Amino acid sequence: MGCARAIVCLLLPPLAVADKGLGNFIIVLVLTLLGWVPGVIGALIICNKRP
């Protein structure tokens, strides 16, 4: 994960995982709506996974 992607994970978590699939996008969107911190944590976990 690059530096730019980490910044996007912090600022706009759903946008950071948009290219990882619709399921991941919805999960992070719901987490972000429940609270910003859970959304950021979810986005960082999903973006750090190896393909």
N, C-alpha and C. Protein backbone atom coordinates (compact mmCIF):
# COMPACT_ATOMS: atom_id res chain seq x y z
N MET A 1 0.85 -1.16 0.00
CA MET A 1 0.00 0.00 0.00
C MET A 1 0.90 1.23 0.00
N GLY A 2 0.59 2.14 -0.90
CA GLY A 2 1.38 3.34 -1.02
C GLY A 2 0.93 4.43 -0.05
N CYS A 3 1.72 5.46 0.00
CA CYS A 3 1.45 6.58 0.89
C CYS A 3 0.15 7.29 0.51
N ALA A 4 -0.08 7.45 -0.79
CA ALA A 4 -1.29 8.13 -1.25
C ALA A 4 -2.53 7.32 -0.88
N ARG A 5 -2.46 6.00 -1.00
CA ARG A 5 -3.60 5.16 -0.65
C ARG A 5 -3.89 5.21 0.84
N ALA A 6 -2.85 5.28 1.66
CA ALA A 6 -3.05 5.40 3.11
C ALA A 6 -3.74 6.71 3.46
N ILE A 7 -3.39 7.78 2.77
CA ILE A 7 -4.03 9.07 3.02
C ILE A 7 -5.49 9.02 2.61
N VAL A 8 -5.79 8.37 1.49
CA VAL A 8 -7.18 8.24 1.05
C VAL A 8 -7.96 7.37 2.04
N CYS A 9 -7.31 6.35 2.61
CA CYS A 9 -7.96 5.52 3.63
C CYS A 9 -8.33 6.35 4.85
N LEU A 10 -7.51 7.31 5.18
CA LEU A 10 -7.79 8.15 6.34
C LEU A 10 -8.87 9.19 6.06
N LEU A 11 -8.88 9.73 4.86
CA LEU A 11 -9.81 10.81 4.54
C LEU A 11 -11.17 10.30 4.05
N LEU A 12 -11.15 9.36 3.11
CA LEU A 12 -12.38 8.83 2.50
C LEU A 12 -12.30 7.30 2.43
N PRO A 13 -12.58 6.63 3.54
CA PRO A 13 -12.41 5.17 3.57
C PRO A 13 -13.17 4.41 2.47
N PRO A 14 -14.44 4.72 2.18
CA PRO A 14 -15.12 3.95 1.13
C PRO A 14 -14.47 4.13 -0.25
N LEU A 15 -13.98 5.31 -0.53
CA LEU A 15 -13.33 5.55 -1.82
C LEU A 15 -12.04 4.75 -1.94
N ALA A 16 -11.36 4.53 -0.84
CA ALA A 16 -10.09 3.79 -0.87
C ALA A 16 -10.28 2.33 -1.24
N VAL A 17 -11.44 1.75 -0.93
CA VAL A 17 -11.66 0.34 -1.22
C VAL A 17 -12.60 0.13 -2.40
N ALA A 18 -12.89 1.16 -3.15
CA ALA A 18 -13.83 1.05 -4.26
C ALA A 18 -13.36 0.06 -5.33
N ASP A 19 -12.05 -0.06 -5.54
CA ASP A 19 -11.54 -0.97 -6.55
C ASP A 19 -11.36 -2.40 -6.04
N LYS A 20 -11.68 -2.65 -4.77
CA LYS A 20 -11.53 -3.99 -4.18
C LYS A 20 -12.79 -4.83 -4.29
N GLY A 21 -13.87 -4.24 -4.80
CA GLY A 21 -15.11 -4.99 -4.98
C GLY A 21 -16.26 -4.34 -4.26
N LEU A 22 -17.47 -4.67 -4.70
CA LEU A 22 -18.68 -4.06 -4.16
C LEU A 22 -18.92 -4.46 -2.71
N GLY A 23 -18.63 -5.70 -2.37
CA GLY A 23 -18.84 -6.16 -0.99
C GLY A 23 -17.98 -5.41 0.00
N ASN A 24 -16.71 -5.24 -0.34
CA ASN A 24 -15.81 -4.49 0.54
C ASN A 24 -16.24 -3.03 0.64
N PHE A 25 -16.69 -2.47 -0.46
CA PHE A 25 -17.15 -1.08 -0.47
C PHE A 25 -18.33 -0.89 0.48
N ILE A 26 -19.29 -1.80 0.41
CA ILE A 26 -20.49 -1.69 1.25
C ILE A 26 -20.13 -1.86 2.72
N ILE A 27 -19.25 -2.81 3.03
CA ILE A 27 -18.84 -3.03 4.41
C ILE A 27 -18.18 -1.78 4.98
N VAL A 28 -17.26 -1.20 4.24
CA VAL A 28 -16.57 -0.01 4.72
C VAL A 28 -17.51 1.19 4.77
N LEU A 29 -18.45 1.28 3.84
CA LEU A 29 -19.42 2.36 3.87
C LEU A 29 -20.28 2.29 5.13
N VAL A 30 -20.75 1.10 5.48
CA VAL A 30 -21.56 0.93 6.68
C VAL A 30 -20.73 1.25 7.92
N LEU A 31 -19.50 0.76 7.97
CA LEU A 31 -18.63 1.07 9.11
C LEU A 31 -18.38 2.57 9.23
N THR A 32 -18.21 3.24 8.11
CA THR A 32 -17.98 4.68 8.13
C THR A 32 -19.23 5.42 8.59
N LEU A 33 -20.40 4.95 8.21
CA LEU A 33 -21.64 5.59 8.66
C LEU A 33 -21.84 5.39 10.16
N LEU A 34 -21.36 4.26 10.70
CA LEU A 34 -21.46 4.02 12.14
C LEU A 34 -20.46 4.86 12.91
N GLY A 35 -19.37 5.18 12.28
CA GLY A 35 -18.34 5.99 12.92
C GLY A 35 -17.13 6.07 12.02
N TRP A 36 -16.45 7.18 12.05
CA TRP A 36 -15.32 7.37 11.14
C TRP A 36 -14.17 6.41 11.45
N VAL A 37 -13.89 6.19 12.72
CA VAL A 37 -12.76 5.34 13.11
C VAL A 37 -12.95 3.90 12.65
N PRO A 38 -14.11 3.26 12.86
CA PRO A 38 -14.27 1.90 12.34
C PRO A 38 -14.12 1.82 10.82
N GLY A 39 -14.58 2.84 10.11
CA GLY A 39 -14.43 2.86 8.66
C GLY A 39 -12.98 2.93 8.24
N VAL A 40 -12.20 3.75 8.92
CA VAL A 40 -10.78 3.88 8.62
C VAL A 40 -10.05 2.57 8.91
N ILE A 41 -10.36 1.95 10.04
CA ILE A 41 -9.71 0.69 10.39
C ILE A 41 -10.05 -0.39 9.35
N GLY A 42 -11.32 -0.47 8.98
CA GLY A 42 -11.72 -1.44 7.96
C GLY A 42 -11.04 -1.20 6.63
N ALA A 43 -10.95 0.05 6.22
CA ALA A 43 -10.30 0.38 4.95
C ALA A 43 -8.82 0.04 4.99
N LEU A 44 -8.16 0.33 6.09
CA LEU A 44 -6.73 0.00 6.20
C LEU A 44 -6.50 -1.50 6.17
N ILE A 45 -7.37 -2.26 6.82
CA ILE A 45 -7.23 -3.72 6.81
C ILE A 45 -7.43 -4.27 5.41
N ILE A 46 -8.47 -3.80 4.73
CA ILE A 46 -8.76 -4.30 3.38
C ILE A 46 -7.66 -3.91 2.40
N CYS A 47 -7.15 -2.69 2.51
CA CYS A 47 -6.12 -2.24 1.58
C CYS A 47 -4.78 -2.91 1.83
N ASN A 48 -4.54 -3.39 3.04
CA ASN A 48 -3.26 -4.05 3.35
C ASN A 48 -3.24 -5.52 3.00
N LYS A 49 -4.40 -6.10 2.64
CA LYS A 49 -4.44 -7.51 2.26
C LYS A 49 -3.66 -7.72 0.97
N ARG A 50 -2.96 -8.81 0.90
CA ARG A 50 -2.23 -9.18 -0.32
C ARG A 50 -3.21 -9.79 -1.31
N PRO A 51 -3.05 -9.48 -2.60
CA PRO A 51 -3.97 -10.06 -3.60
C PRO A 51 -3.74 -11.55 -3.82
